[in-house]
Every structure is written in structure tokens, then in C-alpha cells.
N, C-alpha and C. Protein backbone atom coordinates (compact mmCIF):
# COMPACT_ATOMS: atom_id res chain seq x y z
N MET A 1 41.46 8.99 -52.34
CA MET A 1 42.18 10.21 -52.99
C MET A 1 43.35 10.50 -52.64
N ILE A 2 43.97 11.55 -53.23
CA ILE A 2 45.36 11.82 -53.43
C ILE A 2 45.05 13.26 -52.56
N HIS A 3 45.88 13.73 -51.74
CA HIS A 3 45.53 15.08 -51.19
C HIS A 3 46.70 16.08 -51.60
N VAL A 4 46.59 17.33 -51.90
CA VAL A 4 47.84 18.16 -52.38
C VAL A 4 47.46 19.48 -51.52
N THR A 5 48.50 19.62 -50.73
CA THR A 5 48.71 20.62 -50.17
C THR A 5 48.93 21.67 -50.96
N GLU A 6 48.57 23.09 -50.41
CA GLU A 6 48.80 24.13 -50.92
C GLU A 6 50.49 24.53 -51.83
N LYS A 7 51.60 24.20 -50.95
CA LYS A 7 52.96 24.17 -51.11
C LYS A 7 52.64 23.24 -52.13
N ALA A 8 52.57 22.24 -52.30
CA ALA A 8 52.80 21.18 -53.21
C ALA A 8 52.29 21.54 -54.57
N ALA A 9 51.22 22.34 -54.26
CA ALA A 9 50.06 22.31 -55.63
C ALA A 9 50.82 23.71 -56.20
N LYS A 10 51.55 25.08 -55.29
CA LYS A 10 52.36 25.86 -56.03
C LYS A 10 53.43 25.52 -56.65
N LYS A 11 54.09 24.44 -56.12
CA LYS A 11 55.55 24.11 -57.08
C LYS A 11 54.92 23.15 -58.07
N ILE A 12 53.60 22.29 -57.95
CA ILE A 12 53.51 21.82 -59.54
C ILE A 12 53.10 22.54 -60.40
N GLN A 13 52.41 23.75 -59.95
CA GLN A 13 52.07 24.80 -61.24
C GLN A 13 53.43 25.39 -61.75
N GLU A 14 54.33 25.50 -60.73
CA GLU A 14 55.81 26.31 -61.14
C GLU A 14 56.27 25.35 -62.19
N LEU A 15 56.42 24.05 -61.90
CA LEU A 15 56.90 23.22 -62.82
C LEU A 15 56.03 23.20 -63.96
N LEU A 16 55.43 23.07 -64.33
CA LEU A 16 54.31 23.20 -65.16
C LEU A 16 54.63 24.35 -66.51
N VAL A 17 54.76 25.63 -65.75
CA VAL A 17 54.85 26.75 -66.40
C VAL A 17 56.47 26.82 -66.79
N LYS A 18 57.38 26.23 -65.81
CA LYS A 18 58.83 26.21 -66.55
C LYS A 18 59.09 25.36 -67.45
N GLU A 19 58.36 23.96 -67.54
CA GLU A 19 58.47 23.03 -68.96
C GLU A 19 57.90 23.35 -69.95
N GLY A 20 56.79 24.48 -69.65
CA GLY A 20 56.24 24.90 -70.96
C GLY A 20 54.78 23.82 -71.05
N LEU A 21 54.32 23.17 -70.30
CA LEU A 21 53.15 22.10 -70.42
C LEU A 21 52.10 23.19 -70.25
N PRO A 22 50.98 22.57 -71.01
CA PRO A 22 49.50 23.26 -70.50
C PRO A 22 48.93 22.87 -68.92
N GLY A 23 48.78 23.68 -68.18
CA GLY A 23 48.11 23.94 -67.01
C GLY A 23 46.84 23.59 -66.92
N SER A 24 45.92 23.59 -68.03
CA SER A 24 44.48 23.31 -68.22
C SER A 24 44.35 21.87 -68.22
N ALA A 25 45.45 20.96 -68.59
CA ALA A 25 45.17 19.62 -68.75
C ALA A 25 46.45 19.00 -68.11
N GLY A 26 47.66 19.54 -67.84
CA GLY A 26 48.88 18.87 -67.32
C GLY A 26 48.79 18.90 -65.83
N GLY A 27 49.60 18.23 -65.60
CA GLY A 27 49.87 17.83 -63.64
C GLY A 27 50.95 16.57 -63.56
N LEU A 28 51.17 16.29 -62.42
CA LEU A 28 52.29 15.69 -61.85
C LEU A 28 51.69 14.48 -61.66
N ARG A 29 52.58 13.25 -62.67
CA ARG A 29 52.05 12.04 -62.44
C ARG A 29 52.83 11.26 -61.43
N VAL A 30 52.40 10.53 -60.30
CA VAL A 30 52.65 9.96 -59.27
C VAL A 30 52.46 8.75 -59.46
N GLY A 31 53.08 7.63 -58.73
CA GLY A 31 53.35 6.33 -59.11
C GLY A 31 54.16 5.78 -57.81
N VAL A 32 54.08 4.38 -57.94
CA VAL A 32 54.73 3.58 -57.29
C VAL A 32 55.52 2.23 -58.17
N GLN A 33 56.83 2.23 -57.48
CA GLN A 33 57.61 1.13 -58.61
C GLN A 33 58.05 0.32 -57.63
N GLY A 34 58.57 -0.84 -57.81
CA GLY A 34 59.58 -1.89 -56.91
C GLY A 34 60.78 -1.54 -56.86
N GLY A 35 61.61 -1.52 -55.93
CA GLY A 35 62.81 -1.31 -55.55
C GLY A 35 63.20 -0.31 -54.68
N GLY A 36 64.08 0.43 -54.05
CA GLY A 36 64.56 1.33 -53.30
C GLY A 36 64.65 -0.04 -51.87
N CYS A 37 65.49 1.11 -51.01
CA CYS A 37 65.88 0.09 -49.53
C CYS A 37 64.85 -0.33 -48.87
N SER A 38 63.57 0.34 -49.18
CA SER A 38 62.41 -0.31 -48.43
C SER A 38 61.27 -1.34 -49.02
N GLY A 39 61.63 -1.55 -50.50
CA GLY A 39 60.74 -2.31 -51.17
C GLY A 39 60.19 -1.81 -52.34
N LEU A 40 59.46 -0.65 -52.05
CA LEU A 40 58.78 0.26 -53.01
C LEU A 40 59.36 1.82 -52.78
N SER A 41 59.23 2.25 -54.42
CA SER A 41 59.63 3.47 -54.11
C SER A 41 58.92 4.43 -54.86
N TYR A 42 58.69 5.60 -54.09
CA TYR A 42 57.71 6.84 -54.99
C TYR A 42 58.58 7.24 -56.78
N ALA A 43 57.63 7.47 -57.59
CA ALA A 43 58.26 7.90 -58.92
C ALA A 43 57.17 9.05 -59.31
N MET A 44 57.69 10.15 -59.74
CA MET A 44 57.15 11.29 -60.06
C MET A 44 57.67 11.91 -61.13
N ARG A 45 56.52 12.54 -62.40
CA ARG A 45 56.81 13.11 -63.54
C ARG A 45 56.20 14.08 -63.72
N LEU A 46 56.44 15.15 -64.44
CA LEU A 46 55.27 16.22 -65.26
C LEU A 46 54.55 15.16 -66.32
N ASP A 47 53.17 15.31 -66.99
CA ASP A 47 52.92 14.88 -67.70
C ASP A 47 51.66 15.78 -68.44
N THR A 48 51.52 15.99 -69.55
CA THR A 48 50.43 16.73 -70.18
C THR A 48 49.06 16.62 -70.34
N GLN A 49 48.90 15.21 -70.20
CA GLN A 49 47.72 14.95 -69.50
C GLN A 49 47.09 13.33 -69.00
N ALA A 50 46.10 12.95 -68.49
CA ALA A 50 45.70 11.67 -67.69
C ALA A 50 45.52 10.64 -68.82
N ARG A 51 45.86 9.50 -68.51
CA ARG A 51 45.63 8.25 -69.70
C ARG A 51 44.28 7.84 -69.12
N ASP A 52 43.95 6.82 -69.82
CA ASP A 52 42.53 6.31 -69.97
C ASP A 52 42.28 6.21 -68.48
N ARG A 53 42.74 5.17 -68.03
CA ARG A 53 42.27 4.82 -66.62
C ARG A 53 42.98 5.18 -65.29
N ASP A 54 43.85 6.40 -65.58
CA ASP A 54 44.33 7.26 -64.30
C ASP A 54 43.03 7.50 -63.29
N LYS A 55 43.69 7.81 -62.07
CA LYS A 55 42.83 8.52 -61.51
C LYS A 55 43.39 9.68 -61.39
N VAL A 56 42.01 10.88 -61.58
CA VAL A 56 42.88 12.27 -61.72
C VAL A 56 42.28 12.93 -60.43
N PHE A 57 43.02 13.72 -59.72
CA PHE A 57 42.65 14.77 -58.32
C PHE A 57 43.29 15.70 -59.01
N GLU A 58 42.40 16.67 -58.16
CA GLU A 58 42.65 18.21 -58.75
C GLU A 58 42.31 19.19 -57.17
N GLU A 59 43.37 19.77 -56.22
CA GLU A 59 43.32 20.11 -55.18
C GLU A 59 44.27 21.33 -55.28
N ASN A 60 43.58 22.50 -54.60
CA ASN A 60 44.45 23.85 -54.88
C ASN A 60 44.95 24.06 -55.96
N GLY A 61 44.63 23.68 -57.07
CA GLY A 61 44.58 24.57 -58.55
C GLY A 61 45.70 23.74 -59.06
N ALA A 62 46.08 22.38 -58.74
CA ALA A 62 46.92 21.42 -59.12
C ALA A 62 46.19 20.06 -59.54
N ARG A 63 46.93 19.54 -60.49
CA ARG A 63 46.42 18.07 -61.01
C ARG A 63 47.05 16.97 -60.68
N VAL A 64 47.02 15.69 -59.84
CA VAL A 64 48.01 14.68 -59.69
C VAL A 64 47.08 13.57 -60.88
N PHE A 65 47.97 13.01 -61.20
CA PHE A 65 47.55 11.47 -62.22
C PHE A 65 48.25 10.18 -61.56
N VAL A 66 47.36 9.32 -61.02
CA VAL A 66 47.82 8.17 -60.10
C VAL A 66 47.53 6.89 -61.32
N ASP A 67 47.92 6.00 -61.85
CA ASP A 67 47.61 4.60 -62.40
C ASP A 67 46.81 3.91 -61.32
N PRO A 68 46.24 2.92 -61.67
CA PRO A 68 45.07 2.35 -60.96
C PRO A 68 45.87 1.21 -59.80
N LYS A 69 47.16 0.63 -60.35
CA LYS A 69 47.85 -0.08 -59.81
C LYS A 69 48.62 0.71 -58.79
N SER A 70 49.50 1.95 -58.98
CA SER A 70 49.69 2.63 -57.60
C SER A 70 48.90 3.26 -56.93
N TYR A 71 47.64 3.65 -57.29
CA TYR A 71 46.68 3.81 -56.41
C TYR A 71 46.43 3.17 -55.36
N LEU A 72 46.62 1.90 -55.36
CA LEU A 72 45.99 0.88 -54.26
C LEU A 72 47.31 0.98 -53.10
N TYR A 73 48.18 1.52 -53.35
CA TYR A 73 49.46 2.19 -52.15
C TYR A 73 49.38 3.67 -51.99
N LEU A 74 48.84 4.48 -52.79
CA LEU A 74 48.46 5.87 -52.59
C LEU A 74 47.38 6.40 -51.89
N ASP A 75 46.44 5.42 -51.67
CA ASP A 75 45.25 6.36 -51.21
C ASP A 75 45.51 6.67 -49.97
N ASN A 76 44.51 7.83 -50.07
CA ASN A 76 44.78 8.54 -48.95
C ASN A 76 45.91 9.25 -48.46
N THR A 77 46.88 9.54 -49.72
CA THR A 77 48.21 9.67 -49.19
C THR A 77 47.98 11.70 -49.56
N THR A 78 48.91 12.27 -48.65
CA THR A 78 48.99 13.63 -49.09
C THR A 78 50.09 13.82 -49.37
N LEU A 79 50.45 14.93 -50.62
CA LEU A 79 51.42 15.12 -51.11
C LEU A 79 52.04 16.51 -50.63
N ASP A 80 53.03 16.74 -50.24
CA ASP A 80 53.22 18.09 -49.62
C ASP A 80 54.96 18.68 -50.03
N TYR A 81 55.16 19.77 -49.73
CA TYR A 81 56.52 20.24 -50.35
C TYR A 81 57.01 20.80 -49.47
N GLU A 82 58.16 20.63 -49.37
CA GLU A 82 59.19 21.53 -48.27
C GLU A 82 60.69 21.79 -48.67
N GLN A 83 60.50 23.27 -48.41
CA GLN A 83 62.07 23.45 -48.58
C GLN A 83 62.62 24.40 -47.38
N THR A 84 63.63 23.87 -47.04
CA THR A 84 64.45 24.15 -45.84
C THR A 84 65.94 24.13 -46.37
N LEU A 85 66.52 24.80 -45.60
CA LEU A 85 68.31 24.80 -45.71
C LEU A 85 68.69 23.07 -46.21
N MET A 86 68.17 22.67 -45.60
CA MET A 86 68.63 21.23 -45.75
C MET A 86 67.74 20.34 -46.63
N ARG A 87 66.78 20.83 -46.82
CA ARG A 87 66.02 19.75 -48.04
C ARG A 87 64.99 20.74 -48.81
N GLU A 88 64.77 19.90 -49.87
CA GLU A 88 63.87 20.52 -50.92
C GLU A 88 63.30 19.38 -51.60
N GLY A 89 62.01 19.49 -51.88
CA GLY A 89 61.19 18.66 -52.55
C GLY A 89 59.83 17.88 -51.98
N PHE A 90 59.44 17.06 -52.84
CA PHE A 90 58.12 16.76 -52.28
C PHE A 90 58.12 15.44 -51.21
N ILE A 91 57.16 15.77 -50.73
CA ILE A 91 57.04 14.67 -49.13
C ILE A 91 55.81 14.07 -49.76
N PHE A 92 56.08 12.65 -49.49
CA PHE A 92 54.50 11.87 -49.17
C PHE A 92 54.49 11.68 -47.95
N GLN A 93 53.08 12.12 -47.45
CA GLN A 93 52.70 11.58 -46.33
C GLN A 93 51.77 10.20 -46.54
N ASN A 94 52.00 9.16 -46.13
CA ASN A 94 51.23 7.88 -46.82
C ASN A 94 50.87 7.07 -45.68
N PRO A 95 49.66 7.10 -45.30
CA PRO A 95 49.33 6.20 -44.11
C PRO A 95 49.15 4.77 -44.27
N GLN A 96 49.48 4.10 -45.64
CA GLN A 96 49.41 2.98 -45.88
C GLN A 96 50.93 2.41 -46.04
N ALA A 97 51.58 3.24 -45.42
CA ALA A 97 53.38 2.99 -45.49
C ALA A 97 53.43 2.25 -44.12
N SER A 98 53.90 0.99 -43.78
CA SER A 98 54.31 0.63 -42.63
C SER A 98 55.56 0.97 -42.10
N ARG A 99 56.55 1.03 -43.15
CA ARG A 99 57.64 1.68 -42.77
C ARG A 99 58.50 1.93 -43.95
N SER A 100 59.28 3.28 -43.59
CA SER A 100 59.82 3.80 -44.39
C SER A 100 61.42 3.89 -44.63
N CYS A 101 62.33 4.41 -45.26
CA CYS A 101 63.46 4.20 -45.51
C CYS A 101 63.67 6.14 -44.74
N GLY A 102 65.08 6.27 -44.23
CA GLY A 102 66.00 7.67 -43.68
C GLY A 102 65.38 8.83 -44.98
N CYS A 103 65.23 8.49 -45.74
CA CYS A 103 65.23 9.77 -46.81
C CYS A 103 64.13 10.09 -47.23
N GLY A 104 62.78 9.00 -47.01
CA GLY A 104 61.45 8.89 -47.35
C GLY A 104 61.18 8.87 -48.60
N SER A 105 61.93 8.48 -49.90
CA SER A 105 61.77 7.87 -51.33
C SER A 105 61.25 6.68 -51.36
N SER A 106 61.36 5.80 -50.07
CA SER A 106 60.65 4.21 -50.22
C SER A 106 60.53 4.09 -49.46
N PHE A 107 59.09 2.76 -49.43
CA PHE A 107 58.65 2.62 -48.30
C PHE A 107 57.99 0.97 -48.23
N THR A 108 57.48 0.22 -47.07
CA THR A 108 56.88 -0.73 -47.17
C THR A 108 55.47 -0.90 -47.15
N ALA A 109 54.85 -1.36 -47.77
CA ALA A 109 53.45 -1.30 -47.41
C ALA A 109 52.84 -2.31 -46.88
């Protein structure tokens, strides 16, 4: 499962509205790709709907789409959103990450 905090869900909903995407079917697509200073990096983009083999998670009114390969690395991850004076953005709290870089955008599993 992918968990979505209330703050992250609110930001996903705001982004969908801003981009004019349908909130009833749209959501945030999250994935993992090779690269980054720790070997794997997180990828995100808004999407209008789930694909055939996607795992779909809905929590706090927001939908997250994950392809099966990425799900192997993201199972039980919590997606949060942080907004401070120094940083603004989504944060992955991934229990499968054995090491991550300083900025949190890449990891080793």
C-alpha cells in the first residue's frame, strides 16, 4: 500500500485543479527509475487516469497510481508534503530505502 497524508492529499487535489485534470479519475503517478546519486530516484507526474496494470491507492481524497515494477520499491511508503521556509515539496518516507541522498530524491533499496 502507498499511504497519503492529509497534507499530501490536499496538494495533489490542488495540483489537479490547477492543471484542469479530472479529480474524479485523475491522480498523482509515482514511480522509481534508475539514476540519482544513490542509484534509484523517485518520479512523479499528474495523470488523467490509471493504466491497466497500475496499482491505485486512494487516501484522504487523493488518488495515487503506481506501476507494478515501481511498486516493488514503494510498498508501504508514505507520501507526505512539506512546506517550510527552506523547502517545499513531496517527501517519500520509504521503509525499503536502505540509504538515501541528502536531498531525499534518490535512494538505495
